[in-house]
Amino acid sequence: MTEKRGILSLWVFQEKQENFDESTLEEKFGVDDYNEDLLEVGGSNAWKETPIEKVLKDMSLSSSWADQAIKEAKALGITRCRRAFIILNFKYNPSITISLPNDPVFIGVFKFTY
């Protein structure tokens, strides 16, 4: 686990997922040791495509990190998503994964404040 206070890791889903649960993190990203209480999922429960600004701004502590995350997502060509998830106090290192999946998309790590 790469615990890092004041840092969060963000992923977004562009495609509808039939069987999303916490195992997605381990299976697709090699993330298997994090505080489950600090995992938050946002966006449409029905997997409806939504502007990324709306999804991220509705998540915890977003006033301190969402603007930078939206900028990063748009740089990747992502303006809409179906769901997003963050892990607070966790710095994901994408180099631990041999090949990153197409979906969900790892957007990056961002500083946040309480």
C-alpha atoms as a PDB file:
ATOM      1  CA  MET A   1       0.000   0.000   0.000  1.00  0.00           C
ATOM      2  CA  THR A   2       1.201   3.464  -0.807  1.00  0.00           C
ATOM      3  CA  GLU A   3      -0.484   5.451   1.930  1.00  0.00           C
ATOM      4  CA  LYS A   4       0.071   9.169   1.541  1.00  0.00           C
ATOM      5  CA  ARG A   5      -1.881  11.664   3.635  1.00  0.00           C
ATOM      6  CA  GLY A   6      -3.438  14.479   1.659  1.00  0.00           C
ATOM      7  CA  ILE A   7      -3.195  12.625  -1.673  1.00  0.00           C
ATOM      8  CA  LEU A   8      -5.957  10.813  -3.534  1.00  0.00           C
ATOM      9  CA  SER A   9      -5.969   8.539  -6.555  1.00  0.00           C
ATOM     10  CA  LEU A  10      -8.711   8.875  -9.170  1.00  0.00           C
ATOM     11  CA  TRP A  11     -10.135   6.508 -11.789  1.00  0.00           C
ATOM     12  CA  VAL A  12     -13.119   7.093 -14.112  1.00  0.00           C
ATOM     13  CA  PHE A  13     -15.328   4.689 -16.010  1.00  0.00           C
ATOM     14  CA  GLN A  14     -16.319   5.561 -19.545  1.00  0.00           C
ATOM     15  CA  GLU A  15     -17.999   2.215 -20.248  1.00  0.00           C
ATOM     16  CA  LYS A  16     -20.815   0.521 -18.372  1.00  0.00           C
ATOM     17  CA  GLN A  17     -19.519  -2.210 -16.062  1.00  0.00           C
ATOM     18  CA  GLU A  18     -21.704  -5.168 -15.188  1.00  0.00           C
ATOM     19  CA  ASN A  19     -19.704  -6.415 -12.217  1.00  0.00           C
ATOM     20  CA  PHE A  20     -17.861  -3.520 -10.609  1.00  0.00           C
ATOM     21  CA  ASP A  21     -16.698  -4.076  -7.062  1.00  0.00           C
ATOM     22  CA  GLU A  22     -13.514  -3.619  -5.053  1.00  0.00           C
ATOM     23  CA  SER A  23     -11.913  -6.592  -6.821  1.00  0.00           C
ATOM     24  CA  THR A  24     -11.659  -4.398  -9.942  1.00  0.00           C
ATOM     25  CA  LEU A  25      -8.850  -2.500  -8.234  1.00  0.00           C
ATOM     26  CA  GLU A  26      -6.831  -5.625  -7.606  1.00  0.00           C
ATOM     27  CA  GLU A  27      -7.574  -7.384 -10.885  1.00  0.00           C
ATOM     28  CA  LYS A  28      -6.976  -4.432 -13.204  1.00  0.00           C
ATOM     29  CA  PHE A  29      -4.531  -2.251 -11.246  1.00  0.00           C
ATOM     30  CA  GLY A  30      -2.759  -4.444  -8.707  1.00  0.00           C
ATOM     31  CA  VAL A  31      -4.226  -2.426  -5.823  1.00  0.00           C
ATOM     32  CA  ASP A  32      -4.928  -4.826  -2.992  1.00  0.00           C
ATOM     33  CA  ASP A  33      -3.953  -3.027   0.193  1.00  0.00           C
ATOM     34  CA  TYR A  34      -5.826   0.178   0.955  1.00  0.00           C
ATOM     35  CA  ASN A  35      -8.235   1.426   3.584  1.00  0.00           C
ATOM     36  CA  GLU A  36     -11.675   0.487   2.237  1.00  0.00           C
ATOM     37  CA  ASP A  37     -13.236   3.227   4.382  1.00  0.00           C
ATOM     38  CA  LEU A  38     -11.414   5.769   2.215  1.00  0.00           C
ATOM     39  CA  LEU A  39     -12.791   4.453  -1.102  1.00  0.00           C
ATOM     40  CA  GLU A  40     -15.601   6.518  -2.605  1.00  0.00           C
ATOM     41  CA  VAL A  41     -17.577   5.850  -5.767  1.00  0.00           C
ATOM     42  CA  GLY A  42     -19.401   8.704  -7.503  1.00  0.00           C
ATOM     43  CA  GLY A  43     -21.515   9.166 -10.573  1.00  0.00           C
ATOM     44  CA  SER A  44     -24.670   7.525 -11.812  1.00  0.00           C
ATOM     45  CA  ASN A  45     -25.795   4.330 -10.105  1.00  0.00           C
ATOM     46  CA  ALA A  46     -27.474   3.521 -13.423  1.00  0.00           C
ATOM     47  CA  TRP A  47     -24.152   4.085 -15.244  1.00  0.00           C
ATOM     48  CA  LYS A  48     -25.600   7.045 -17.160  1.00  0.00           C
ATOM     49  CA  GLU A  49     -23.015   9.065 -19.057  1.00  0.00           C
ATOM     50  CA  THR A  50     -22.539  12.388 -17.245  1.00  0.00           C
ATOM     51  CA  PRO A  51     -20.269  15.423 -17.670  1.00  0.00           C
ATOM     52  CA  ILE A  52     -17.109  14.735 -15.711  1.00  0.00           C
ATOM     53  CA  GLU A  53     -17.410  18.062 -13.884  1.00  0.00           C
ATOM     54  CA  LYS A  54     -20.725  16.988 -12.353  1.00  0.00           C
ATOM     55  CA  VAL A  55     -19.427  13.589 -11.260  1.00  0.00           C
ATOM     56  CA  LEU A  56     -16.223  14.863  -9.664  1.00  0.00           C
ATOM     57  CA  LYS A  57     -17.644  18.020  -8.052  1.00  0.00           C
ATOM     58  CA  ASP A  58     -20.191  15.884  -6.171  1.00  0.00           C
ATOM     59  CA  MET A  59     -17.430  13.813  -4.515  1.00  0.00           C
ATOM     60  CA  SER A  60     -15.819  14.335  -1.108  1.00  0.00           C
ATOM     61  CA  LEU A  61     -13.488  17.289  -0.630  1.00  0.00           C
ATOM     62  CA  SER A  62     -13.817  18.099  -4.343  1.00  0.00           C
ATOM     63  CA  SER A  63     -13.297  21.828  -3.858  1.00  0.00           C
ATOM     64  CA  SER A  64      -9.629  21.108  -3.198  1.00  0.00           C
ATOM     65  CA  TRP A  65      -8.891  18.688  -6.063  1.00  0.00           C
ATOM     66  CA  ALA A  66     -11.619  18.439  -8.718  1.00  0.00           C
ATOM     67  CA  ASP A  67     -10.524  21.380 -10.890  1.00  0.00           C
ATOM     68  CA  GLN A  68      -7.059  19.891 -11.383  1.00  0.00           C
ATOM     69  CA  ALA A  69      -8.517  16.420 -11.971  1.00  0.00           C
ATOM     70  CA  ILE A  70     -10.963  17.758 -14.573  1.00  0.00           C
ATOM     71  CA  LYS A  71      -8.086  19.484 -16.349  1.00  0.00           C
ATOM     72  CA  GLU A  72      -6.096  16.206 -16.381  1.00  0.00           C
ATOM     73  CA  ALA A  73      -9.092  14.208 -17.618  1.00  0.00           C
ATOM     74  CA  LYS A  74      -9.742  16.679 -20.428  1.00  0.00           C
ATOM     75  CA  ALA A  75      -6.063  16.479 -21.419  1.00  0.00           C
ATOM     76  CA  LEU A  76      -6.716  12.733 -21.873  1.00  0.00           C
ATOM     77  CA  GLY A  77      -9.769  13.527 -24.017  1.00  0.00           C
ATOM     78  CA  ILE A  78     -12.262  12.625 -21.283  1.00  0.00           C
ATOM     79  CA  THR A  79     -15.164  15.050 -20.866  1.00  0.00           C
ATOM     80  CA  ARG A  80     -17.862  12.593 -19.764  1.00  0.00           C
ATOM     81  CA  CYS A  81     -17.892   9.484 -17.613  1.00  0.00           C
ATOM     82  CA  ARG A  82     -20.320   7.045 -16.083  1.00  0.00           C
ATOM     83  CA  ARG A  83     -18.739   6.605 -12.650  1.00  0.00           C
ATOM     84  CA  ALA A  84     -15.604   7.633 -10.835  1.00  0.00           C
ATOM     85  CA  PHE A  85     -13.824   6.362  -7.795  1.00  0.00           C
ATOM     86  CA  ILE A  86     -11.234   7.830  -5.484  1.00  0.00           C
ATOM     87  CA  ILE A  87      -9.129   6.440  -2.704  1.00  0.00           C
ATOM     88  CA  LEU A  88      -8.195   9.092  -0.168  1.00  0.00           C
ATOM     89  CA  ASN A  89      -4.726   9.049   1.413  1.00  0.00           C
ATOM     90  CA  PHE A  90      -3.517   6.703  -1.306  1.00  0.00           C
ATOM     91  CA  LYS A  91      -0.931   7.340  -4.000  1.00  0.00           C
ATOM     92  CA  TYR A  92      -1.341   4.824  -6.810  1.00  0.00           C
ATOM     93  CA  ASN A  93       1.780   3.971  -8.772  1.00  0.00           C
ATOM     94  CA  PRO A  94       0.808   2.882 -12.303  1.00  0.00           C
ATOM     95  CA  SER A  95       4.224   1.290 -12.871  1.00  0.00           C
ATOM     96  CA  ILE A  96       3.126  -1.686 -10.722  1.00  0.00           C
ATOM     97  CA  THR A  97       0.753  -2.730 -13.526  1.00  0.00           C
ATOM     98  CA  ILE A  98       2.197  -4.337 -16.643  1.00  0.00           C
ATOM     99  CA  SER A  99      -0.582  -3.012 -18.866  1.00  0.00           C
ATOM    100  CA  LEU A 100      -3.207  -0.486 -17.796  1.00  0.00           C
ATOM    101  CA  PRO A 101      -6.742  -1.329 -18.924  1.00  0.00           C
ATOM    102  CA  ASN A 102      -8.712   0.914 -21.262  1.00  0.00           C
ATOM    103  CA  ASP A 103     -11.478   1.232 -18.698  1.00  0.00           C
ATOM    104  CA  PRO A 104     -11.586   2.373 -15.977  1.00  0.00           C
ATOM    105  CA  VAL A 105      -9.046   5.069 -16.789  1.00  0.00           C
ATOM    106  CA  PHE A 106      -6.526   6.092 -14.154  1.00  0.00           C
ATOM    107  CA  ILE A 107      -6.572   9.913 -14.233  1.00  0.00           C
ATOM    108  CA  GLY A 108      -3.889  10.575 -11.645  1.00  0.00           C
ATOM    109  CA  VAL A 109      -3.045  11.484  -8.075  1.00  0.00           C
ATOM    110  CA  PHE A 110      -4.103  14.810  -6.638  1.00  0.00           C
ATOM    111  CA  LYS A 111      -3.588  16.770  -3.442  1.00  0.00           C
ATOM    112  CA  PHE A 112      -6.652  17.378  -1.314  1.00  0.00           C
ATOM    113  CA  THR A 113      -7.402  19.231   1.896  1.00  0.00           C
ATOM    114  CA  TYR A 114     -10.005  18.679   4.582  1.00  0.00           C
END
